[in-house]
Amino acid sequence: MCGRFVQITDPEQIKVSISDLEIDDAVRAKFAKHYNIAPTQEVLTVLNTPVPRLIFTHWGLVPYWAKDRQIGSRMINARSETLAKKPSFQEPFKKRRCIIFSDGFYEWKSVDKSRTPYFLHRKDGKLLAFAGLWDRWIDRATRETLISSTIITTDANPLVSEMHDRMPAILEEDCVRLWLSPEPQPEKALMDCLKPYPYNEMEAYSISRQVNDPRNDSSEIIKPIG
């Protein structure tokens, strides 16, 4: 599962990974560092449009056919094993893929009825590329458009498995272009990208329980303790 994560890297830096990225002016104006992103909030997302486009999406997928947007709160994550089977994910998996770049994410480790939060990130400090799906939903009453997203999860690697049996599907560099292709891609090639990220390239350390409250959103959260 991925239920909280961090986005603090300036959007312009994402161009290091995607050189032809188009960044909406609204994104530049609106961007702010967030250390404690929670479900249903807006997240920076790269869409697989003909020219890759960076925008804000609603975290929690609302399928185009949904009656209302409330369904999104139950679809912040999509299990990799069910992408080609579940109605909510089938078409986005084929046509509407995205990447949500992150500086790290949180998990909680249970010990003697106590849950200690941990911050997980790349050892080299580079961004994590969460594989995701997106969709476009139109409110039938107001005709307003909502673009939403979900983060795909896969089996946990040995590091994350000490806290949870699932983790975000983090794309390695050779999969970024494939995932963002606007053209149809072989299902197997896409699925091969959704594997546990190498544990030896990541590290985890315990942090303050301030993270438990999504209203806390400062750099103090990711400082190591203990």
Protein backbone atom coordinates (compact mmCIF):
# COMPACT_ATOMS: atom_id res chain seq x y z
CA MET A 1 0.00 0.00 0.00
CA CYS A 2 1.00 3.63 -0.42
CA GLY A 3 -1.06 5.99 1.71
CA ARG A 4 1.30 8.92 2.39
CA PHE A 5 4.24 10.33 0.48
CA VAL A 6 6.42 13.36 -0.19
CA GLN A 7 6.70 15.74 -3.16
CA ILE A 8 9.24 18.51 -2.55
CA THR A 9 11.32 18.56 -5.75
CA ASP A 10 10.69 21.52 -8.05
CA PRO A 11 8.74 20.52 -11.19
CA GLU A 12 11.56 21.77 -13.42
CA GLN A 13 13.82 19.09 -11.97
CA ILE A 14 11.54 16.36 -13.31
CA LYS A 15 12.78 17.36 -16.75
CA VAL A 16 16.03 15.61 -15.83
CA SER A 17 14.11 12.33 -16.21
CA ILE A 18 11.78 13.43 -19.03
CA SER A 19 13.50 15.92 -21.32
CA ASP A 20 10.45 16.75 -23.49
CA LEU A 21 8.13 17.24 -20.53
CA GLU A 22 5.50 19.96 -20.91
CA ILE A 23 4.79 21.80 -17.65
CA ASP A 24 1.55 23.74 -17.33
CA ASP A 25 2.02 27.35 -16.21
CA ALA A 26 -0.58 26.70 -13.52
CA VAL A 27 1.68 24.01 -12.08
CA ARG A 28 4.63 26.38 -11.82
CA ALA A 29 2.45 28.95 -10.08
CA LYS A 30 0.79 26.50 -7.72
CA PHE A 31 3.70 24.25 -6.78
CA ALA A 32 4.60 24.07 -3.10
CA LYS A 33 6.64 21.52 -1.16
CA HIS A 34 4.50 18.89 0.57
CA TYR A 35 5.95 16.52 3.13
CA ASN A 36 2.77 14.68 4.05
CA ILE A 37 0.50 14.12 1.05
CA ALA A 38 -2.66 12.20 1.94
CA PRO A 39 -5.41 10.58 -0.18
CA THR A 40 -7.81 12.89 -2.09
CA GLN A 41 -5.24 15.71 -2.17
CA GLU A 42 -3.73 17.02 -5.39
CA VAL A 43 -0.49 15.43 -6.57
CA LEU A 44 2.02 16.27 -9.30
CA THR A 45 1.51 13.77 -12.10
CA VAL A 46 3.08 13.15 -15.51
CA LEU A 47 0.42 12.01 -18.01
CA ASN A 48 1.18 9.80 -21.04
CA THR A 49 -0.22 12.34 -23.48
CA PRO A 50 1.46 12.56 -26.94
CA VAL A 51 3.83 15.07 -25.36
CA PRO A 52 4.29 14.09 -21.68
CA ARG A 53 2.47 16.65 -19.56
CA LEU A 54 2.95 17.54 -15.88
CA ILE A 55 -0.25 18.59 -14.10
CA PHE A 56 -1.94 18.27 -10.72
CA THR A 57 -4.35 15.33 -10.39
CA HIS A 58 -6.80 14.30 -7.68
CA TRP A 59 -5.27 11.35 -5.77
CA GLY A 60 -7.94 8.67 -5.90
CA LEU A 61 -9.03 7.37 -9.29
CA VAL A 62 -12.53 8.35 -10.44
CA PRO A 63 -13.36 6.25 -13.56
CA TYR A 64 -14.94 8.14 -16.45
CA TRP A 65 -18.12 6.07 -16.01
CA ALA A 66 -18.55 6.69 -12.25
CA LYS A 67 -21.80 8.24 -11.02
CA ASP A 68 -19.98 10.51 -8.56
CA ARG A 69 -16.44 11.32 -7.48
CA GLN A 70 -16.72 9.74 -4.03
CA ILE A 71 -15.51 6.42 -5.44
CA GLY A 72 -12.04 7.96 -5.72
CA SER A 73 -11.41 7.80 -1.97
CA ARG A 74 -11.45 4.00 -2.24
CA MET A 75 -9.07 3.85 -5.20
CA ILE A 76 -5.88 5.57 -4.13
CA ASN A 77 -4.01 2.35 -4.97
CA ALA A 78 -4.36 -0.28 -7.68
CA ARG A 79 -2.90 -3.75 -7.24
CA SER A 80 -0.65 -4.65 -10.17
CA GLU A 81 -2.11 -8.15 -10.32
CA THR A 82 -5.62 -6.87 -11.09
CA LEU A 83 -4.94 -4.07 -13.60
CA ALA A 84 -6.02 -6.10 -16.62
CA LYS A 85 -9.10 -7.52 -14.85
CA LYS A 86 -10.85 -4.79 -12.84
CA PRO A 87 -13.24 -2.55 -14.82
CA SER A 88 -11.89 0.55 -13.08
CA PHE A 89 -8.35 -0.12 -14.25
CA GLN A 90 -8.58 -2.07 -17.53
CA GLU A 91 -8.85 0.84 -19.93
CA PRO A 92 -6.50 3.22 -18.06
CA PHE A 93 -3.89 0.44 -17.96
CA LYS A 94 -4.06 0.19 -21.74
CA LYS A 95 -4.40 3.89 -22.57
CA ARG A 96 -3.97 6.25 -19.61
CA ARG A 97 -0.80 5.59 -17.65
CA CYS A 98 1.07 8.13 -15.57
CA ILE A 99 4.04 8.62 -13.28
CA ILE A 100 3.87 10.27 -9.89
CA PHE A 101 7.38 11.33 -8.92
CA SER A 102 8.11 11.31 -5.20
CA ASP A 103 10.98 12.11 -2.86
CA GLY A 104 9.94 9.28 -0.56
CA PHE A 105 7.01 7.62 1.17
CA TYR A 106 5.93 6.47 4.62
CA GLU A 107 5.15 3.14 6.22
CA TRP A 108 4.40 2.11 9.78
CA LYS A 109 6.04 -0.78 11.66
CA SER A 110 4.04 -2.49 14.40
CA VAL A 111 5.95 -3.58 17.50
CA ASP A 112 4.23 -4.55 20.77
CA LYS A 113 0.97 -2.78 19.89
CA SER A 114 2.88 0.39 18.96
CA ARG A 115 3.16 1.68 15.39
CA THR A 116 6.35 3.52 14.49
CA PRO A 117 6.42 5.55 11.26
CA TYR A 118 9.34 5.23 8.84
CA PHE A 119 10.47 7.33 5.90
CA LEU A 120 11.64 5.35 2.84
CA HIS A 121 13.60 6.86 -0.02
CA ARG A 122 16.41 6.27 -2.50
CA LYS A 123 19.89 6.25 -1.00
CA ASP A 124 21.18 8.49 -3.78
CA GLY A 125 18.47 11.09 -3.14
CA LYS A 126 16.98 10.79 -6.62
CA LEU A 127 13.24 10.79 -7.23
CA LEU A 128 11.11 7.66 -7.05
CA ALA A 129 8.92 7.16 -10.12
CA PHE A 130 5.63 5.67 -8.91
CA ALA A 131 3.75 3.90 -11.70
CA GLY A 132 0.17 5.09 -11.87
CA LEU A 133 -3.03 5.31 -13.90
CA TRP A 134 -5.17 8.35 -14.64
CA ASP A 135 -8.67 9.04 -15.88
CA ARG A 136 -10.90 11.96 -16.83
CA TRP A 137 -14.35 12.26 -15.19
CA ILE A 138 -17.04 14.82 -16.06
CA ASP A 139 -19.58 15.90 -13.46
CA ARG A 140 -23.00 15.41 -15.07
CA ALA A 141 -24.52 18.26 -13.09
CA THR A 142 -21.86 20.97 -13.45
CA ARG A 143 -19.96 19.66 -16.53
CA GLU A 144 -16.73 20.26 -14.64
CA THR A 145 -13.83 17.94 -15.47
CA LEU A 146 -11.79 16.07 -12.86
CA ILE A 147 -8.50 14.39 -13.74
CA SER A 148 -7.63 11.81 -11.12
CA SER A 149 -4.93 9.22 -10.51
CA THR A 150 -4.04 6.09 -8.58
CA ILE A 151 -0.68 4.64 -7.51
CA ILE A 152 -0.01 1.04 -8.50
CA THR A 153 1.30 -1.31 -5.81
CA THR A 154 3.26 -4.54 -6.00
CA ASP A 155 4.82 -7.05 -3.60
CA ALA A 156 7.11 -5.46 -1.02
CA ASN A 157 10.87 -5.84 -1.32
CA PRO A 158 12.80 -7.18 1.72
CA LEU A 159 13.20 -3.68 3.20
CA VAL A 160 9.55 -2.66 2.97
CA SER A 161 8.29 -6.13 3.94
CA GLU A 162 9.45 -5.49 7.50
CA MET A 163 6.57 -2.99 7.67
CA HIS A 164 4.03 -3.97 4.99
CA ASP A 165 3.48 -6.67 2.38
CA ARG A 166 2.87 -4.12 -0.41
CA MET A 167 4.82 -1.15 -1.77
CA PRO A 168 4.46 1.36 -4.62
CA ALA A 169 5.46 -0.02 -8.01
CA ILE A 170 8.55 2.11 -8.63
CA LEU A 171 9.71 2.27 -12.23
CA GLU A 172 13.36 1.83 -13.07
CA GLU A 173 14.83 4.20 -15.66
CA ASP A 174 14.48 1.81 -18.60
CA CYS A 175 10.71 1.58 -17.99
CA VAL A 176 9.90 5.30 -17.76
CA ARG A 177 9.56 5.89 -21.51
CA LEU A 178 7.62 2.67 -22.05
CA TRP A 179 5.16 3.52 -19.28
CA LEU A 180 4.59 7.01 -20.64
CA SER A 181 4.10 5.89 -24.23
CA PRO A 182 0.76 7.12 -25.64
CA GLU A 183 0.76 4.17 -28.02
CA PRO A 184 -0.58 0.67 -27.17
CA GLN A 185 2.07 -1.50 -25.53
CA PRO A 186 2.28 -5.28 -24.94
CA GLU A 187 0.69 -6.15 -21.62
CA LYS A 188 3.65 -8.32 -20.63
CA ALA A 189 6.15 -5.52 -21.24
CA LEU A 190 4.13 -3.20 -19.01
CA MET A 191 3.67 -5.81 -16.30
CA ASP A 192 7.40 -6.56 -16.29
CA CYS A 193 7.95 -2.97 -15.13
CA LEU A 194 5.76 -3.44 -12.06
CA LYS A 195 8.17 -5.33 -9.82
CA PRO A 196 9.56 -4.67 -6.34
CA TYR A 197 12.19 -1.95 -6.45
CA PRO A 198 15.73 -3.10 -5.51
CA TYR A 199 15.90 -2.94 -1.73
CA ASN A 200 19.63 -2.22 -1.68
CA GLU A 201 19.01 1.09 -3.46
CA MET A 202 16.67 2.28 -0.71
CA GLU A 203 16.90 3.11 2.96
CA ALA A 204 14.41 3.56 5.79
CA TYR A 205 14.61 5.33 9.12
CA SER A 206 12.17 6.07 11.91
CA ILE A 207 10.58 9.50 12.12
CA SER A 208 8.27 11.54 14.34
CA ARG A 209 4.67 10.53 14.86
CA GLN A 210 3.76 13.99 13.60
CA VAL A 211 3.27 12.27 10.24
CA ASN A 212 0.17 10.55 11.60
CA ASP A 213 -1.76 13.82 11.23
CA PRO A 214 -1.89 14.98 7.58
CA ARG A 215 -2.28 18.55 8.80
CA ASN A 216 1.39 18.42 9.76
CA ASP A 217 3.26 19.25 6.57
CA SER A 218 6.80 20.45 7.24
CA SER A 219 10.38 19.25 6.86
CA GLU A 220 10.40 18.33 10.56
CA ILE A 221 8.47 15.20 9.65
CA ILE A 222 11.29 13.55 7.69
CA LYS A 223 14.02 14.19 10.26
CA PRO A 224 15.34 10.89 11.67
CA ILE A 225 14.76 10.11 15.34
CA GLY A 226 16.04 7.43 17.70
